């Protein structure tokens, strides 16, 4: 995954999951990549699971719980568009929703 500066977010911040498809052990669901949600809460830091999977030294990464509306994830025609889905996503996968 390309290295960008990691941005810190606060609850209520609108974020987008980076739309990358790197090979390997990835902890970010493909169906959420490129989707926009809201930080529901900030969790603690954990060792990077993508590095741990390859038995590499793992730097600590901040974990966020992000809430997505079903219409954002599956499209406006989904059965319950205003329902939500929460996912825990590591900081390097998130960018401000307004980022280019």
PDB file of N, CA and C in Angstrom:
ATOM      1  N   UNK A   1       0.859  -1.170   0.000  1.00  0.00           N
ATOM      2  CA  UNK A   1       0.000   0.000   0.000  1.00  0.00           C
ATOM      3  C   UNK A   1       0.896   1.220   0.000  1.00  0.00           C
ATOM      4  N   UNK A   2       0.609   2.204  -0.862  1.00  0.00           N
ATOM      5  CA  UNK A   2       1.384   3.430  -0.920  1.00  0.00           C
ATOM      6  C   UNK A   2       1.363   4.168   0.403  1.00  0.00           C
ATOM      7  N   UNK A   3       2.470   4.726   0.772  1.00  0.00           N
ATOM      8  CA  UNK A   3       2.567   5.422   2.052  1.00  0.00           C
ATOM      9  C   UNK A   3       2.180   6.884   1.899  1.00  0.00           C
ATOM     10  N   UNK A   4       1.213   7.288   2.686  1.00  0.00           N
ATOM     11  CA  UNK A   4       0.790   8.672   2.790  1.00  0.00           C
ATOM     12  C   UNK A   4       0.847   9.026   4.259  1.00  0.00           C
ATOM     13  N   UNK A   5       0.940  10.304   4.587  1.00  0.00           N
ATOM     14  CA  UNK A   5       0.879  10.646   6.008  1.00  0.00           C
ATOM     15  C   UNK A   5      -0.449  10.180   6.593  1.00  0.00           C
ATOM     16  N   UNK A   6      -0.389   9.598   7.775  1.00  0.00           N
ATOM     17  CA  UNK A   6      -1.597   9.136   8.443  1.00  0.00           C
ATOM     18  C   UNK A   6      -2.251  10.329   9.133  1.00  0.00           C
ATOM     19  N   UNK A   7      -3.529  10.518   8.877  1.00  0.00           N
ATOM     20  CA  UNK A   7      -4.293  11.625   9.437  1.00  0.00           C
ATOM     21  C   UNK A   7      -5.041  11.115  10.662  1.00  0.00           C
ATOM     22  N   UNK A   8      -5.072  11.915  11.727  1.00  0.00           N
ATOM     23  CA  UNK A   8      -5.864  11.569  12.905  1.00  0.00           C
ATOM     24  C   UNK A   8      -7.282  12.096  12.699  1.00  0.00           C
ATOM     25  N   UNK A   9      -8.269  11.304  13.086  1.00  0.00           N
ATOM     26  CA  UNK A   9      -9.666  11.695  12.950  1.00  0.00           C
ATOM     27  C   UNK A   9     -10.341  11.708  14.317  1.00  0.00           C
ATOM     28  N   UNK A  10     -11.425  12.460  14.410  1.00  0.00           N
ATOM     29  CA  UNK A  10     -12.220  12.523  15.632  1.00  0.00           C
ATOM     30  C   UNK A  10     -13.622  12.004  15.321  1.00  0.00           C
ATOM     31  N   UNK A  11     -14.358  11.586  16.348  1.00  0.00           N
ATOM     32  CA  UNK A  11     -15.730  11.133  16.097  1.00  0.00           C
ATOM     33  C   UNK A  11     -16.525  12.196  15.339  1.00  0.00           C
ATOM     34  N   UNK A  12     -17.297  11.750  14.366  1.00  0.00           N
ATOM     35  CA  UNK A  12     -18.093  12.641  13.535  1.00  0.00           C
ATOM     36  C   UNK A  12     -17.412  13.057  12.247  1.00  0.00           C
ATOM     37  N   UNK A  13     -16.107  12.782  12.114  1.00  0.00           N
ATOM     38  CA  UNK A  13     -15.381  13.153  10.885  1.00  0.00           C
ATOM     39  C   UNK A  13     -15.844  12.278   9.728  1.00  0.00           C
ATOM     40  N   UNK A  14     -16.046  12.906   8.559  1.00  0.00           N
ATOM     41  CA  UNK A  14     -16.387  12.148   7.352  1.00  0.00           C
ATOM     42  C   UNK A  14     -15.091  11.659   6.721  1.00  0.00           C
ATOM     43  N   UNK A  15     -15.033  10.370   6.465  1.00  0.00           N
ATOM     44  CA  UNK A  15     -13.833   9.745   5.921  1.00  0.00           C
ATOM     45  C   UNK A  15     -14.195   8.871   4.725  1.00  0.00           C
ATOM     46  N   UNK A  16     -13.178   8.616   3.922  1.00  0.00           N
ATOM     47  CA  UNK A  16     -13.332   7.687   2.794  1.00  0.00           C
ATOM     48  C   UNK A  16     -12.284   6.592   2.956  1.00  0.00           C
ATOM     49  N   UNK A  17     -12.670   5.369   2.678  1.00  0.00           N
ATOM     50  CA  UNK A  17     -11.742   4.255   2.697  1.00  0.00           C
ATOM     51  C   UNK A  17     -10.954   4.312   1.395  1.00  0.00           C
ATOM     52  N   UNK A  18      -9.652   4.252   1.506  1.00  0.00           N
ATOM     53  CA  UNK A  18      -8.817   4.330   0.307  1.00  0.00           C
ATOM     54  C   UNK A  18      -9.151   3.182  -0.645  1.00  0.00           C
ATOM     55  N   UNK A  19      -9.232   3.503  -1.923  1.00  0.00           N
ATOM     56  CA  UNK A  19      -9.649   2.535  -2.949  1.00  0.00           C
ATOM     57  C   UNK A  19      -8.433   1.849  -3.550  1.00  0.00           C
ATOM     58  N   UNK A  20      -7.757   1.047  -2.739  1.00  0.00           N
ATOM     59  CA  UNK A  20      -6.587   0.306  -3.192  1.00  0.00           C
ATOM     60  C   UNK A  20      -6.913  -1.176  -3.227  1.00  0.00           C
ATOM     61  N   UNK A  21      -6.238  -1.908  -4.075  1.00  0.00           N
ATOM     62  CA  UNK A  21      -6.426  -3.353  -4.149  1.00  0.00           C
ATOM     63  C   UNK A  21      -5.053  -4.042  -4.139  1.00  0.00           C
ATOM     64  N   UNK A  22      -4.287  -3.841  -3.064  1.00  0.00           N
ATOM     65  CA  UNK A  22      -2.969  -4.479  -3.023  1.00  0.00           C
ATOM     66  C   UNK A  22      -3.106  -5.977  -2.770  1.00  0.00           C
ATOM     67  N   UNK A  23      -2.141  -6.747  -3.221  1.00  0.00           N
ATOM     68  CA  UNK A  23      -2.172  -8.189  -2.943  1.00  0.00           C
ATOM     69  C   UNK A  23      -1.775  -8.442  -1.490  1.00  0.00           C
ATOM     70  N   UNK A  24      -2.073  -9.621  -1.010  1.00  0.00           N
ATOM     71  CA  UNK A  24      -1.598 -10.015   0.306  1.00  0.00           C
ATOM     72  C   UNK A  24      -2.682 -10.045   1.355  1.00  0.00           C
ATOM     73  N   UNK A  25      -2.240 -10.088   2.593  1.00  0.00           N
ATOM     74  CA  UNK A  25      -3.129 -10.191   3.749  1.00  0.00           C
ATOM     75  C   UNK A  25      -3.640  -8.797   4.097  1.00  0.00           C
ATOM     76  N   UNK A  26      -4.857  -8.472   3.737  1.00  0.00           N
ATOM     77  CA  UNK A  26      -5.422  -7.138   3.926  1.00  0.00           C
ATOM     78  C   UNK A  26      -6.613  -7.237   4.858  1.00  0.00           C
ATOM     79  N   UNK A  27      -6.694  -6.331   5.829  1.00  0.00           N
ATOM     80  CA  UNK A  27      -7.747  -6.362   6.833  1.00  0.00           C
ATOM     81  C   UNK A  27      -8.894  -5.403   6.531  1.00  0.00           C
ATOM     82  N   UNK A  28      -8.917  -4.809   5.346  1.00  0.00           N
ATOM     83  CA  UNK A  28      -9.972  -3.867   4.989  1.00  0.00           C
ATOM     84  C   UNK A  28     -10.868  -4.501   3.927  1.00  0.00           C
ATOM     85  N   UNK A  29     -12.166  -4.645   4.210  1.00  0.00           N
ATOM     86  CA  UNK A  29     -13.053  -5.313   3.242  1.00  0.00           C
ATOM     87  C   UNK A  29     -13.071  -4.599   1.885  1.00  0.00           C
ATOM     88  N   UNK A  30     -12.977  -5.370   0.834  1.00  0.00           N
ATOM     89  CA  UNK A  30     -12.968  -4.796  -0.519  1.00  0.00           C
ATOM     90  C   UNK A  30     -14.249  -4.019  -0.805  1.00  0.00           C
ATOM     91  N   UNK A  31     -15.391  -4.468  -0.271  1.00  0.00           N
ATOM     92  CA  UNK A  31     -16.661  -3.793  -0.568  1.00  0.00           C
ATOM     93  C   UNK A  31     -16.759  -2.414   0.086  1.00  0.00           C
ATOM     94  N   UNK A  32     -15.843  -2.078   0.995  1.00  0.00           N
ATOM     95  CA  UNK A  32     -15.847  -0.741   1.608  1.00  0.00           C
ATOM     96  C   UNK A  32     -14.822   0.204   0.983  1.00  0.00           C
ATOM     97  N   UNK A  33     -13.946  -0.294   0.159  1.00  0.00           N
ATOM     98  CA  UNK A  33     -12.910   0.553  -0.439  1.00  0.00           C
ATOM     99  C   UNK A  33     -13.548   1.551  -1.396  1.00  0.00           C
ATOM    100  N   UNK A  34     -13.202   2.825  -1.203  1.00  0.00           N
ATOM    101  CA  UNK A  34     -13.768   3.909  -1.996  1.00  0.00           C
ATOM    102  C   UNK A  34     -15.061   4.465  -1.422  1.00  0.00           C
ATOM    103  N   UNK A  35     -15.572   3.863  -0.364  1.00  0.00           N
ATOM    104  CA  UNK A  35     -16.842   4.298   0.242  1.00  0.00           C
ATOM    105  C   UNK A  35     -16.592   5.340   1.331  1.00  0.00           C
ATOM    106  N   UNK A  36     -17.600   6.173   1.551  1.00  0.00           N
ATOM    107  CA  UNK A  36     -17.526   7.255   2.534  1.00  0.00           C
ATOM    108  C   UNK A  36     -18.401   6.930   3.730  1.00  0.00           C
ATOM    109  N   UNK A  37     -17.856   7.211   4.913  1.00  0.00           N
ATOM    110  CA  UNK A  37     -18.597   6.985   6.147  1.00  0.00           C
ATOM    111  C   UNK A  37     -18.230   8.038   7.178  1.00  0.00           C
ATOM    112  N   UNK A  38     -18.671   7.816   8.407  1.00  0.00           N
ATOM    113  CA  UNK A  38     -18.435   8.750   9.505  1.00  0.00           C
ATOM    114  C   UNK A  38     -17.744   7.995  10.633  1.00  0.00           C
ATOM    115  N   UNK A  39     -16.695   8.608  11.202  1.00  0.00           N
ATOM    116  CA  UNK A  39     -16.024   7.994  12.345  1.00  0.00           C
ATOM    117  C   UNK A  39     -17.006   7.952  13.507  1.00  0.00           C
ATOM    118  N   UNK A  40     -17.323   6.762  13.956  1.00  0.00           N
ATOM    119  CA  UNK A  40     -18.242   6.579  15.068  1.00  0.00           C
ATOM    120  C   UNK A  40     -17.492   6.688  16.391  1.00  0.00           C
ATOM    121  N   UNK A  41     -16.286   6.114  16.422  1.00  0.00           N
ATOM    122  CA  UNK A  41     -15.433   6.249  17.613  1.00  0.00           C
ATOM    123  C   UNK A  41     -13.992   5.947  17.260  1.00  0.00           C
ATOM    124  N   UNK A  42     -13.112   6.474  18.099  1.00  0.00           N
ATOM    125  CA  UNK A  42     -11.681   6.243  17.973  1.00  0.00           C
ATOM    126  C   UNK A  42     -11.327   5.132  18.956  1.00  0.00           C
ATOM    127  N   UNK A  43     -10.693   4.091  18.459  1.00  0.00           N
ATOM    128  CA  UNK A  43     -10.273   2.983  19.304  1.00  0.00           C
ATOM    129  C   UNK A  43      -8.785   3.121  19.616  1.00  0.00           C
ATOM    130  N   UNK A  44      -8.216   2.177  20.311  1.00  0.00           N
ATOM    131  CA  UNK A  44      -6.807   2.305  20.659  1.00  0.00           C
ATOM    132  C   UNK A  44      -5.909   1.850  19.507  1.00  0.00           C
ATOM    133  N   UNK A  45      -4.614   1.912  19.735  1.00  0.00           N
ATOM    134  CA  UNK A  45      -3.658   1.454  18.735  1.00  0.00           C
ATOM    135  C   UNK A  45      -3.371  -0.026  18.936  1.00  0.00           C
ATOM    136  N   UNK A  46      -3.172  -0.704  17.812  1.00  0.00           N
ATOM    137  CA  UNK A  46      -2.826  -2.126  17.813  1.00  0.00           C
ATOM    138  C   UNK A  46      -1.668  -2.330  16.846  1.00  0.00           C
ATOM    139  N   UNK A  47      -0.942  -3.416  17.036  1.00  0.00           N
ATOM    140  CA  UNK A  47       0.121  -3.755  16.091  1.00  0.00           C
ATOM    141  C   UNK A  47      -0.492  -3.991  14.717  1.00  0.00           C
ATOM    142  N   UNK A  48       0.181  -3.526  13.694  1.00  0.00           N
ATOM    143  CA  UNK A  48      -0.307  -3.621  12.316  1.00  0.00           C
ATOM    144  C   UNK A  48      -0.514  -5.090  11.917  1.00  0.00           C
ATOM    145  N   UNK A  49      -1.778  -5.524  11.743  1.00  0.00           N
ATOM    146  CA  UNK A  49      -2.036  -6.934  11.432  1.00  0.00           C
ATOM    147  C   UNK A  49      -1.531  -7.340  10.050  1.00  0.00           C
ATOM    148  N   UNK A  50      -1.401  -6.390   9.135  1.00  0.00           N
ATOM    149  CA  UNK A  50      -0.900  -6.711   7.798  1.00  0.00           C
ATOM    150  C   UNK A  50       0.584  -7.068   7.864  1.00  0.00           C
ATOM    151  N   UNK A  51       1.323  -6.471   8.797  1.00  0.00           N
ATOM    152  CA  UNK A  51       2.733  -6.832   8.993  1.00  0.00           C
ATOM    153  C   UNK A  51       2.848  -8.114   9.818  1.00  0.00           C
ATOM    154  N   UNK A  52       2.018  -8.240  10.851  1.00  0.00           N
ATOM    155  CA  UNK A  52       2.059  -9.438  11.689  1.00  0.00           C
ATOM    156  C   UNK A  52       1.791 -10.702  10.880  1.00  0.00           C
ATOM    157  N   UNK A  53       0.925 -10.608   9.876  1.00  0.00           N
ATOM    158  CA  UNK A  53       0.593 -11.778   9.063  1.00  0.00           C
ATOM    159  C   UNK A  53       1.821 -12.360   8.364  1.00  0.00           C
ATOM    160  N   UNK A  54       2.829 -11.524   8.136  1.00  0.00           N
ATOM    161  CA  UNK A  54       4.063 -11.965   7.480  1.00  0.00           C
ATOM    162  C   UNK A  54       5.229 -12.065   8.455  1.00  0.00           C
ATOM    163  N   UNK A  55       4.890 -12.027   9.754  1.00  0.00           N
ATOM    164  CA  UNK A  55       5.894 -12.122  10.818  1.00  0.00           C
ATOM    165  C   UNK A  55       6.944 -11.028  10.721  1.00  0.00           C
ATOM    166  N   UNK A  56       6.498  -9.842  10.340  1.00  0.00           N
ATOM    167  CA  UNK A  56       7.367  -8.669  10.282  1.00  0.00           C
ATOM    168  C   UNK A  56       7.170  -7.845  11.547  1.00  0.00           C
ATOM    169  N   UNK A  57       8.165  -7.016  11.892  1.00  0.00           N
ATOM    170  CA  UNK A  57       7.948  -6.100  13.014  1.00  0.00           C
ATOM    171  C   UNK A  57       6.733  -5.221  12.707  1.00  0.00           C
ATOM    172  N   UNK A  58       5.859  -5.091  13.667  1.00  0.00           N
ATOM    173  CA  UNK A  58       4.578  -4.414  13.421  1.00  0.00           C
ATOM    174  C   UNK A  58       4.493  -3.107  14.202  1.00  0.00           C
ATOM    175  N   UNK A  59       4.408  -2.027  13.469  1.00  0.00           N
ATOM    176  CA  UNK A  59       4.239  -0.715  14.085  1.00  0.00           C
ATOM    177  C   UNK A  59       2.813  -0.585  14.615  1.00  0.00           C
ATOM    178  N   UNK A  60       2.615   0.196  15.663  1.00  0.00           N
ATOM    179  CA  UNK A  60       1.245   0.399  16.153  1.00  0.00           C
ATOM    180  C   UNK A  60       0.460   1.306  15.206  1.00  0.00           C
ATOM    181  N   UNK A  61      -0.799   0.964  15.004  1.00  0.00           N
ATOM    182  CA  UNK A  61      -1.694   1.749  14.150  1.00  0.00           C
ATOM    183  C   UNK A  61      -2.975   2.049  14.903  1.00  0.00           C
ATOM    184  N   UNK A  62      -3.499   3.252  14.719  1.00  0.00           N
ATOM    185  CA  UNK A  62      -4.786   3.626  15.316  1.00  0.00           C
ATOM    186  C   UNK A  62      -5.904   2.902  14.571  1.00  0.00           C
ATOM    187  N   UNK A  63      -6.883   2.435  15.321  1.00  0.00           N
ATOM    188  CA  UNK A  63      -8.042   1.758  14.754  1.00  0.00           C
ATOM    189  C   UNK A  63      -9.268   2.632  14.973  1.00  0.00           C
ATOM    190  N   UNK A  64     -10.102   2.732  13.957  1.00  0.00           N
ATOM    191  CA  UNK A  64     -11.319   3.537  14.013  1.00  0.00           C
ATOM    192  C   UNK A  64     -12.534   2.670  13.725  1.00  0.00           C
ATOM    193  N   UNK A  65     -13.637   2.976  14.379  1.00  0.00           N
ATOM    194  CA  UNK A  65     -14.917   2.360  14.008  1.00  0.00           C
ATOM    195  C   UNK A  65     -15.627   3.376  13.120  1.00  0.00           C
ATOM    196  N   UNK A  66     -15.910   2.973  11.887  1.00  0.00           N
ATOM    197  CA  UNK A  66     -16.517   3.851  10.891  1.00  0.00           C
ATOM    198  C   UNK A  66     -17.905   3.324  10.553  1.00  0.00           C
ATOM    199  N   UNK A  67     -18.859   4.228  10.501  1.00  0.00           N
ATOM    200  CA  UNK A  67     -20.258   3.873  10.207  1.00  0.00           C
ATOM    201  C   UNK A  67     -20.589   4.280   8.772  1.00  0.00           C
ATOM    202  N   UNK A  68     -21.140   3.335   8.023  1.00  0.00           N
ATOM    203  CA  UNK A  68     -21.529   3.543   6.633  1.00  0.00           C
ATOM    204  C   UNK A  68     -23.025   3.323   6.505  1.00  0.00           C
ATOM    205  N   UNK A  69     -23.688   4.163   5.729  1.00  0.00           N
ATOM    206  CA  UNK A  69     -25.093   3.889   5.397  1.00  0.00           C
ATOM    207  C   UNK A  69     -25.114   2.830   4.303  1.00  0.00           C
ATOM    208  N   UNK A  70     -26.109   1.959   4.382  1.00  0.00           N
ATOM    209  CA  UNK A  70     -26.214   0.871   3.413  1.00  0.00           C
ATOM    210  C   UNK A  70     -26.331   1.391   1.983  1.00  0.00           C
ATOM    211  N   UNK A  71     -26.980   2.541   1.792  1.00  0.00           N
ATOM    212  CA  UNK A  71     -27.083   3.114   0.449  1.00  0.00           C
ATOM    213  C   UNK A  71     -25.706   3.458  -0.108  1.00  0.00           C
ATOM    214  N   UNK A  72     -24.776   3.874   0.754  1.00  0.00           N
ATOM    215  CA  UNK A  72     -23.408   4.173   0.320  1.00  0.00           C
ATOM    216  C   UNK A  72     -22.684   2.888  -0.078  1.00  0.00           C
ATOM    217  N   UNK A  73     -22.912   1.841   0.675  1.00  0.00           N
ATOM    218  CA  UNK A  73     -22.199   0.581   0.432  1.00  0.00           C
ATOM    219  C   UNK A  73     -22.786  -0.188  -0.745  1.00  0.00           C
ATOM    220  N   UNK A  74     -24.119  -0.309  -0.789  1.00  0.00           N
ATOM    221  CA  UNK A  74     -24.753  -1.180  -1.781  1.00  0.00           C
ATOM    222  C   UNK A  74     -25.579  -0.445  -2.836  1.00  0.00           C
ATOM    223  N   UNK A  75     -25.696   0.886  -2.724  1.00  0.00           N
ATOM    224  CA  UNK A  75     -26.461   1.657  -3.695  1.00  0.00           C
ATOM    225  C   UNK A  75     -27.847   2.002  -3.161  1.00  0.00           C
ATOM    226  N   UNK A  76     -28.435   3.046  -3.737  1.00  0.00           N
ATOM    227  CA  UNK A  76     -29.725   3.554  -3.267  1.00  0.00           C
ATOM    228  C   UNK A  76     -30.848   2.548  -3.408  1.00  0.00           C
ATOM    229  N   UNK A  77     -30.709   1.567  -4.288  1.00  0.00           N
ATOM    230  CA  UNK A  77     -31.754   0.578  -4.496  1.00  0.00           C
ATOM    231  C   UNK A  77     -31.747  -0.564  -3.500  1.00  0.00           C
ATOM    232  N   UNK A  78     -30.862  -0.511  -2.507  1.00  0.00           N
ATOM    233  CA  UNK A  78     -30.828  -1.614  -1.540  1.00  0.00           C
ATOM    234  C   UNK A  78     -32.098  -1.617  -0.696  1.00  0.00           C
ATOM    235  N   UNK A  79     -32.391  -2.722  -0.075  1.00  0.00           N
ATOM    236  CA  UNK A  79     -33.650  -2.913   0.634  1.00  0.00           C
ATOM    237  C   UNK A  79     -33.876  -1.900   1.761  1.00  0.00           C
ATOM    238  N   UNK A  80     -32.831  -1.602   2.530  1.00  0.00           N
ATOM    239  CA  UNK A  80     -32.968  -0.665   3.664  1.00  0.00           C
ATOM    240  C   UNK A  80     -31.834   0.362   3.594  1.00  0.00           C
ATOM    241  N   UNK A  81     -31.942   1.369   2.723  1.00  0.00           N
ATOM    242  CA  UNK A  81     -30.840   2.294   2.471  1.00  0.00           C
ATOM    243  C   UNK A  81     -30.377   3.100   3.673  1.00  0.00           C
ATOM    244  N   UNK A  82     -31.236   3.335   4.652  1.00  0.00           N
ATOM    245  CA  UNK A  82     -30.816   4.150   5.801  1.00  0.00           C
ATOM    246  C   UNK A  82     -30.245   3.317   6.949  1.00  0.00           C
ATOM    247  N   UNK A  83     -30.289   1.983   6.843  1.00  0.00           N
ATOM    248  CA  UNK A  83     -29.627   1.160   7.851  1.00  0.00           C
ATOM    249  C   UNK A  83     -28.131   1.418   7.775  1.00  0.00           C
ATOM    250  N   UNK A  84     -27.423   1.052   8.822  1.00  0.00           N
ATOM    251  CA  UNK A  84     -25.989   1.305   8.845  1.00  0.00           C
ATOM    252  C   UNK A  84     -25.195   0.031   9.088  1.00  0.00           C
ATOM    253  N   UNK A  85     -23.938   0.118   8.721  1.00  0.00           N
ATOM    254  CA  UNK A  85     -22.974  -0.945   8.915  1.00  0.00           C
ATOM    255  C   UNK A  85     -21.754  -0.305   9.562  1.00  0.00           C
ATOM    256  N   UNK A  86     -21.243  -0.872  10.645  1.00  0.00           N
ATOM    257  CA  UNK A  86     -20.028  -0.380  11.286  1.00  0.00           C
ATOM    258  C   UNK A  86     -18.884  -1.322  10.962  1.00  0.00           C
ATOM    259  N   UNK A  87     -17.712  -0.747  10.691  1.00  0.00           N
ATOM    260  CA  UNK A  87     -16.516  -1.543  10.427  1.00  0.00           C
ATOM    261  C   UNK A  87     -15.341  -0.897  11.140  1.00  0.00           C
ATOM    262  N   UNK A  88     -14.445  -1.718  11.630  1.00  0.00           N
ATOM    263  CA  UNK A  88     -13.231  -1.215  12.269  1.00  0.00           C
ATOM    264  C   UNK A  88     -12.122  -1.229  11.232  1.00  0.00           C
ATOM    265  N   UNK A  89     -11.563  -0.031  10.995  1.00  0.00           N
ATOM    266  CA  UNK A  89     -10.607   0.164   9.909  1.00  0.00           C
ATOM    267  C   UNK A  89      -9.378   0.897  10.441  1.00  0.00           C
ATOM    268  N   UNK A  90      -8.209   0.419  10.056  1.00  0.00           N
ATOM    269  CA  UNK A  90      -6.957   1.027  10.506  1.00  0.00           C
ATOM    270  C   UNK A  90      -6.682   2.338   9.782  1.00  0.00           C
ATOM    271  N   UNK A  91      -6.014   3.240  10.490  1.00  0.00           N
ATOM    272  CA  UNK A  91      -5.766   4.604  10.028  1.00  0.00           C
ATOM    273  C   UNK A  91      -5.179   4.717   8.613  1.00  0.00           C
ATOM    274  N   UNK A  92      -4.188   3.906   8.222  1.00  0.00           N
ATOM    275  CA  UNK A  92      -3.621   4.093   6.878  1.00  0.00           C
ATOM    276  C   UNK A  92      -4.619   3.896   5.739  1.00  0.00           C
ATOM    277  N   UNK A  93      -5.737   3.238   6.025  1.00  0.00           N
ATOM    278  CA  UNK A  93      -6.747   3.006   5.002  1.00  0.00           C
ATOM    279  C   UNK A  93      -7.749   4.149   4.892  1.00  0.00           C
ATOM    280  N   UNK A  94      -7.663   5.128   5.786  1.00  0.00           N
ATOM    281  CA  UNK A  94      -8.646   6.218   5.792  1.00  0.00           C
ATOM    282  C   UNK A  94      -8.050   7.521   5.331  1.00  0.00           C
ATOM    283  N   UNK A  95      -8.870   8.310   4.655  1.00  0.00           N
ATOM    284  CA  UNK A  95      -8.489   9.660   4.235  1.00  0.00           C
ATOM    285  C   UNK A  95      -9.699  10.549   4.426  1.00  0.00           C
ATOM    286  N   UNK A  96      -9.469  11.863   4.530  1.00  0.00           N
ATOM    287  CA  UNK A  96     -10.648  12.773   4.630  1.00  0.00           C
ATOM    288  C   UNK A  96     -11.566  12.561   3.437  1.00  0.00           C
ATOM    289  N   UNK A  97     -12.861  12.635   3.648  1.00  0.00           N
ATOM    290  CA  UNK A  97     -13.828  12.393   2.578  1.00  0.00           C
ATOM    291  C   UNK A  97     -13.657  13.380   1.435  1.00  0.00           C
ATOM    292  N   UNK A  98     -13.142  14.559   1.710  1.00  0.00           N
ATOM    293  CA  UNK A  98     -12.978  15.582   0.668  1.00  0.00           C
ATOM    294  C   UNK A  98     -11.655  15.461  -0.074  1.00  0.00           C
ATOM    295  N   UNK A  99     -10.813  14.465   0.263  1.00  0.00           N
ATOM    296  CA  UNK A  99      -9.524  14.308  -0.397  1.00  0.00           C
ATOM    297  C   UNK A  99      -9.723  13.975  -1.882  1.00  0.00           C
ATOM    298  N   UNK A 100      -8.810  14.437  -2.736  1.00  0.00           N
ATOM    299  CA  UNK A 100      -8.951  14.139  -4.178  1.00  0.00           C
ATOM    300  C   UNK A 100      -8.800  12.660  -4.492  1.00  0.00           C
TER     301      UNK A 100
END
